Amino acid sequence: MAVIRYPGLSYFSNPFEELARMQRQMDRLFGSLMSGTSGATGSGVFPALNIDEDADNFYARAELPGIKPEDIEISVVGNTLTLSGERKADGVENVSYHRRERMPGCFRKAVTLPHEINGEAVRAEFANGVLRLVLPKAEHAKPRKIAVKSE
């Protein structure tokens, strides 16, 4: 009988930690399949969304092809960004679809950011099917550098 070493496991690893890790992965997999999310809390499948940040702002880019800007709603409450809207039907009637991946209907995606947002200063632009948001961090939520005095 051959002994097989699994990469990433050491002789001193805790088998119960590995079981707990597998349990979390299975929960995330089946949770995302059942809810239609990608596994992260509050992140749905549509629209695809990228968020990054610098010292002063978060920057969000959402792919919303085929959706008119007036059909998009953006709200910010505290540190939660919510995008919602509706993709209208193509207007094609009396046809048989061979493939239909672009489904009409309402969407809603809420993402919790690590810092509060100044909702009064949020800016949004929409071009070529991409919604771009600039989400300024609230002043009280920005990290402050504290000088240390010495004697």
C-alpha atoms as a PDB file:
ATOM      1  CA  MET A   1       0.000   0.000   0.000  1.00  0.00           C
ATOM      2  CA  ALA A   2       1.421   3.328  -1.054  1.00  0.00           C
ATOM      3  CA  VAL A   3       1.405   6.349   1.225  1.00  0.00           C
ATOM      4  CA  ILE A   4       0.263   9.482  -0.580  1.00  0.00           C
ATOM      5  CA  ARG A   5       1.211  12.901   0.733  1.00  0.00           C
ATOM      6  CA  TYR A   6      -1.263  15.630  -0.037  1.00  0.00           C
ATOM      7  CA  PRO A   7       0.267  18.967  -0.925  1.00  0.00           C
ATOM      8  CA  GLY A   8      -0.369  21.645   1.656  1.00  0.00           C
ATOM      9  CA  LEU A   9      -0.826  19.203   4.508  1.00  0.00           C
ATOM     10  CA  SER A  10       1.921  18.751   6.989  1.00  0.00           C
ATOM     11  CA  TYR A  11       2.343  15.915   9.434  1.00  0.00           C
ATOM     12  CA  PHE A  12       1.333  18.298  12.185  1.00  0.00           C
ATOM     13  CA  SER A  13      -1.886  19.580  10.632  1.00  0.00           C
ATOM     14  CA  ASN A  14      -5.061  19.203  12.587  1.00  0.00           C
ATOM     15  CA  PRO A  15      -7.442  16.865  10.729  1.00  0.00           C
ATOM     16  CA  PHE A  16     -10.423  18.541  12.364  1.00  0.00           C
ATOM     17  CA  GLU A  17      -9.331  21.911  10.950  1.00  0.00           C
ATOM     18  CA  GLU A  18      -9.219  20.345   7.510  1.00  0.00           C
ATOM     19  CA  LEU A  19     -12.722  18.913   7.984  1.00  0.00           C
ATOM     20  CA  ALA A  20     -13.994  22.296   9.173  1.00  0.00           C
ATOM     21  CA  ARG A  21     -12.380  23.966   6.131  1.00  0.00           C
ATOM     22  CA  MET A  22     -14.025  21.447   3.807  1.00  0.00           C
ATOM     23  CA  GLN A  23     -17.366  22.010   5.561  1.00  0.00           C
ATOM     24  CA  ARG A  24     -17.080  25.788   5.017  1.00  0.00           C
ATOM     25  CA  GLN A  25     -16.259  25.287   1.342  1.00  0.00           C
ATOM     26  CA  MET A  26     -19.209  22.926   0.851  1.00  0.00           C
ATOM     27  CA  ASP A  27     -21.543  25.338   2.654  1.00  0.00           C
ATOM     28  CA  ARG A  28     -20.336  28.186   0.457  1.00  0.00           C
ATOM     29  CA  LEU A  29     -20.716  26.090  -2.704  1.00  0.00           C
ATOM     30  CA  PHE A  30     -24.209  24.849  -1.968  1.00  0.00           C
ATOM     31  CA  GLY A  31     -25.272  28.175  -0.477  1.00  0.00           C
ATOM     32  CA  SER A  32     -24.266  29.978  -3.650  1.00  0.00           C
ATOM     33  CA  LEU A  33     -25.991  27.407  -5.847  1.00  0.00           C
ATOM     34  CA  MET A  34     -29.218  27.689  -3.895  1.00  0.00           C
ATOM     35  CA  SER A  35     -29.246  31.479  -3.648  1.00  0.00           C
ATOM     36  CA  GLY A  36     -27.772  32.334  -7.042  1.00  0.00           C
ATOM     37  CA  THR A  37     -24.925  34.243  -5.431  1.00  0.00           C
ATOM     38  CA  SER A  38     -21.211  33.897  -5.896  1.00  0.00           C
ATOM     39  CA  GLY A  39     -20.621  32.968  -2.289  1.00  0.00           C
ATOM     40  CA  ALA A  40     -19.770  36.351  -0.827  1.00  0.00           C
ATOM     41  CA  THR A  41     -22.408  37.887   1.382  1.00  0.00           C
ATOM     42  CA  GLY A  42     -24.630  40.242  -0.542  1.00  0.00           C
ATOM     43  CA  SER A  43     -23.142  39.590  -3.939  1.00  0.00           C
ATOM     44  CA  GLY A  44     -25.471  38.324  -6.612  1.00  0.00           C
ATOM     45  CA  VAL A  45     -24.532  37.057 -10.029  1.00  0.00           C
ATOM     46  CA  PHE A  46     -25.744  40.116 -11.941  1.00  0.00           C
ATOM     47  CA  PRO A  47     -24.339  42.674 -12.431  1.00  0.00           C
ATOM     48  CA  ALA A  48     -20.652  41.847 -12.406  1.00  0.00           C
ATOM     49  CA  LEU A  49     -19.081  44.360 -10.026  1.00  0.00           C
ATOM     50  CA  ASN A  50     -15.524  45.402  -9.256  1.00  0.00           C
ATOM     51  CA  ILE A  51     -14.734  47.585  -6.266  1.00  0.00           C
ATOM     52  CA  ASP A  52     -11.370  49.005  -5.316  1.00  0.00           C
ATOM     53  CA  GLU A  53     -10.230  51.849  -3.118  1.00  0.00           C
ATOM     54  CA  ASP A  54      -7.589  54.415  -2.383  1.00  0.00           C
ATOM     55  CA  ALA A  55      -7.164  56.552   0.714  1.00  0.00           C
ATOM     56  CA  ASP A  56     -10.186  58.776  -0.009  1.00  0.00           C
ATOM     57  CA  ASN A  57     -12.621  56.839  -2.198  1.00  0.00           C
ATOM     58  CA  PHE A  58     -14.051  53.513  -3.209  1.00  0.00           C
ATOM     59  CA  TYR A  59     -14.409  52.999  -6.962  1.00  0.00           C
ATOM     60  CA  ALA A  60     -17.102  50.664  -8.262  1.00  0.00           C
ATOM     61  CA  ARG A  61     -17.571  49.483 -11.842  1.00  0.00           C
ATOM     62  CA  ALA A  62     -20.668  47.458 -12.711  1.00  0.00           C
ATOM     63  CA  GLU A  63     -21.338  45.828 -16.059  1.00  0.00           C
ATOM     64  CA  LEU A  64     -24.901  46.628 -17.105  1.00  0.00           C
ATOM     65  CA  PRO A  65     -25.128  46.020 -20.855  1.00  0.00           C
ATOM     66  CA  GLY A  66     -28.478  46.692 -22.464  1.00  0.00           C
ATOM     67  CA  ILE A  67     -29.791  48.650 -19.495  1.00  0.00           C
ATOM     68  CA  LYS A  68     -30.718  52.309 -19.774  1.00  0.00           C
ATOM     69  CA  PRO A  69     -29.292  54.658 -17.144  1.00  0.00           C
ATOM     70  CA  GLU A  70     -32.811  55.707 -16.126  1.00  0.00           C
ATOM     71  CA  ASP A  71     -33.569  52.067 -15.225  1.00  0.00           C
ATOM     72  CA  ILE A  72     -30.754  51.931 -12.641  1.00  0.00           C
ATOM     73  CA  GLU A  73     -31.199  52.857  -8.975  1.00  0.00           C
ATOM     74  CA  ILE A  74     -28.205  53.485  -6.747  1.00  0.00           C
ATOM     75  CA  SER A  75     -28.438  53.905  -3.005  1.00  0.00           C
ATOM     76  CA  VAL A  76     -25.879  54.226  -0.256  1.00  0.00           C
ATOM     77  CA  VAL A  77     -26.799  53.801   3.401  1.00  0.00           C
ATOM     78  CA  GLY A  78     -23.925  53.780   5.856  1.00  0.00           C
ATOM     79  CA  ASN A  79     -21.432  51.419   4.297  1.00  0.00           C
ATOM     80  CA  THR A  80     -23.854  49.509   2.070  1.00  0.00           C
ATOM     81  CA  LEU A  81     -24.010  50.156  -1.658  1.00  0.00           C
ATOM     82  CA  THR A  82     -27.129  48.876  -3.390  1.00  0.00           C
ATOM     83  CA  LEU A  83     -27.629  48.698  -7.140  1.00  0.00           C
ATOM     84  CA  SER A  84     -31.036  47.779  -8.486  1.00  0.00           C
ATOM     85  CA  GLY A  85     -32.919  48.090 -11.714  1.00  0.00           C
ATOM     86  CA  GLU A  86     -34.579  46.273 -14.493  1.00  0.00           C
ATOM     87  CA  ARG A  87     -33.466  44.780 -17.762  1.00  0.00           C
ATOM     88  CA  LYS A  88     -36.296  45.060 -20.256  1.00  0.00           C
ATOM     89  CA  ALA A  89     -37.193  42.280 -22.666  1.00  0.00           C
ATOM     90  CA  ASP A  90     -35.684  42.462 -26.142  1.00  0.00           C
ATOM     91  CA  GLY A  91     -39.115  43.052 -27.628  1.00  0.00           C
ATOM     92  CA  VAL A  92     -38.910  39.991 -29.853  1.00  0.00           C
ATOM     93  CA  GLU A  93     -42.219  38.132 -29.968  1.00  0.00           C
ATOM     94  CA  ASN A  94     -43.526  34.920 -31.532  1.00  0.00           C
ATOM     95  CA  VAL A  95     -40.110  33.278 -31.797  1.00  0.00           C
ATOM     96  CA  SER A  96     -38.590  30.071 -30.446  1.00  0.00           C
ATOM     97  CA  TYR A  97     -35.341  30.629 -28.606  1.00  0.00           C
ATOM     98  CA  HIS A  98     -32.425  28.296 -29.291  1.00  0.00           C
ATOM     99  CA  ARG A  99     -30.470  29.891 -26.503  1.00  0.00           C
ATOM    100  CA  ARG A 100     -31.544  32.535 -24.034  1.00  0.00           C
ATOM    101  CA  GLU A 101     -28.951  33.705 -21.516  1.00  0.00           C
ATOM    102  CA  ARG A 102     -29.931  37.373 -21.374  1.00  0.00           C
ATOM    103  CA  MET A 103     -32.976  37.202 -19.190  1.00  0.00           C
ATOM    104  CA  PRO A 104     -35.204  40.218 -18.669  1.00  0.00           C
ATOM    105  CA  GLY A 105     -36.243  41.150 -15.181  1.00  0.00           C
ATOM    106  CA  CYS A 106     -35.339  43.030 -12.055  1.00  0.00           C
ATOM    107  CA  PHE A 107     -31.996  42.809 -10.316  1.00  0.00           C
ATOM    108  CA  ARG A 108     -30.712  43.963  -6.955  1.00  0.00           C
ATOM    109  CA  LYS A 109     -27.206  43.734  -5.587  1.00  0.00           C
ATOM    110  CA  ALA A 110     -26.110  44.988  -2.178  1.00  0.00           C
ATOM    111  CA  VAL A 111     -22.476  45.117  -1.139  1.00  0.00           C
ATOM    112  CA  THR A 112     -21.161  45.984   2.295  1.00  0.00           C
ATOM    113  CA  LEU A 113     -18.004  48.084   2.138  1.00  0.00           C
ATOM    114  CA  PRO A 114     -15.422  48.179   4.934  1.00  0.00           C
ATOM    115  CA  HIS A 115     -15.959  51.918   5.604  1.00  0.00           C
ATOM    116  CA  GLU A 116     -18.907  54.312   5.685  1.00  0.00           C
ATOM    117  CA  ILE A 117     -19.590  56.345   2.551  1.00  0.00           C
ATOM    118  CA  ASN A 118     -20.385  60.041   2.249  1.00  0.00           C
ATOM    119  CA  GLY A 119     -23.656  59.516   0.400  1.00  0.00           C
ATOM    120  CA  GLU A 120     -23.996  63.219  -0.479  1.00  0.00           C
ATOM    121  CA  ALA A 121     -20.827  63.174  -2.600  1.00  0.00           C
ATOM    122  CA  VAL A 122     -21.321  59.942  -4.586  1.00  0.00           C
ATOM    123  CA  ARG A 123     -20.788  60.417  -8.330  1.00  0.00           C
ATOM    124  CA  ALA A 124     -22.043  58.095 -11.078  1.00  0.00           C
ATOM    125  CA  GLU A 125     -21.321  57.876 -14.794  1.00  0.00           C
ATOM    126  CA  PHE A 126     -22.649  55.401 -17.324  1.00  0.00           C
ATOM    127  CA  ALA A 127     -20.926  54.698 -20.635  1.00  0.00           C
ATOM    128  CA  ASN A 128     -20.731  51.683 -22.947  1.00  0.00           C
ATOM    129  CA  GLY A 129     -22.752  49.522 -20.584  1.00  0.00           C
ATOM    130  CA  VAL A 130     -20.487  50.169 -17.602  1.00  0.00           C
ATOM    131  CA  LEU A 131     -21.649  52.088 -14.531  1.00  0.00           C
ATOM    132  CA  ARG A 132     -18.768  53.844 -12.784  1.00  0.00           C
ATOM    133  CA  LEU A 133     -19.216  55.088  -9.234  1.00  0.00           C
ATOM    134  CA  VAL A 134     -16.949  57.195  -7.071  1.00  0.00           C
ATOM    135  CA  LEU A 135     -17.882  56.629  -3.444  1.00  0.00           C
ATOM    136  CA  PRO A 136     -16.051  59.060  -1.130  1.00  0.00           C
ATOM    137  CA  LYS A 137     -15.308  57.667   2.297  1.00  0.00           C
ATOM    138  CA  ALA A 138     -16.964  59.482   5.194  1.00  0.00           C
ATOM    139  CA  GLU A 139     -14.517  61.791   6.957  1.00  0.00           C
ATOM    140  CA  HIS A 140     -15.017  60.119  10.330  1.00  0.00           C
ATOM    141  CA  ALA A 141     -14.419  56.686   8.739  1.00  0.00           C
ATOM    142  CA  LYS A 142     -11.080  57.575   7.134  1.00  0.00           C
ATOM    143  CA  PRO A 143      -8.064  56.207   8.901  1.00  0.00           C
ATOM    144  CA  ARG A 144      -6.178  58.899  10.795  1.00  0.00           C
ATOM    145  CA  LYS A 145      -2.501  59.000  11.369  1.00  0.00           C
ATOM    146  CA  ILE A 146      -1.783  59.771  14.986  1.00  0.00           C
ATOM    147  CA  ALA A 147       1.528  61.333  15.861  1.00  0.00           C
ATOM    148  CA  VAL A 148       3.303  59.902  18.845  1.00  0.00           C
ATOM    149  CA  LYS A 149       4.931  62.458  21.070  1.00  0.00           C
ATOM    150  CA  SER A 150       8.128  61.712  22.865  1.00  0.00           C
ATOM    151  CA  GLU A 151       9.636  63.432  25.854  1.00  0.00           C
END
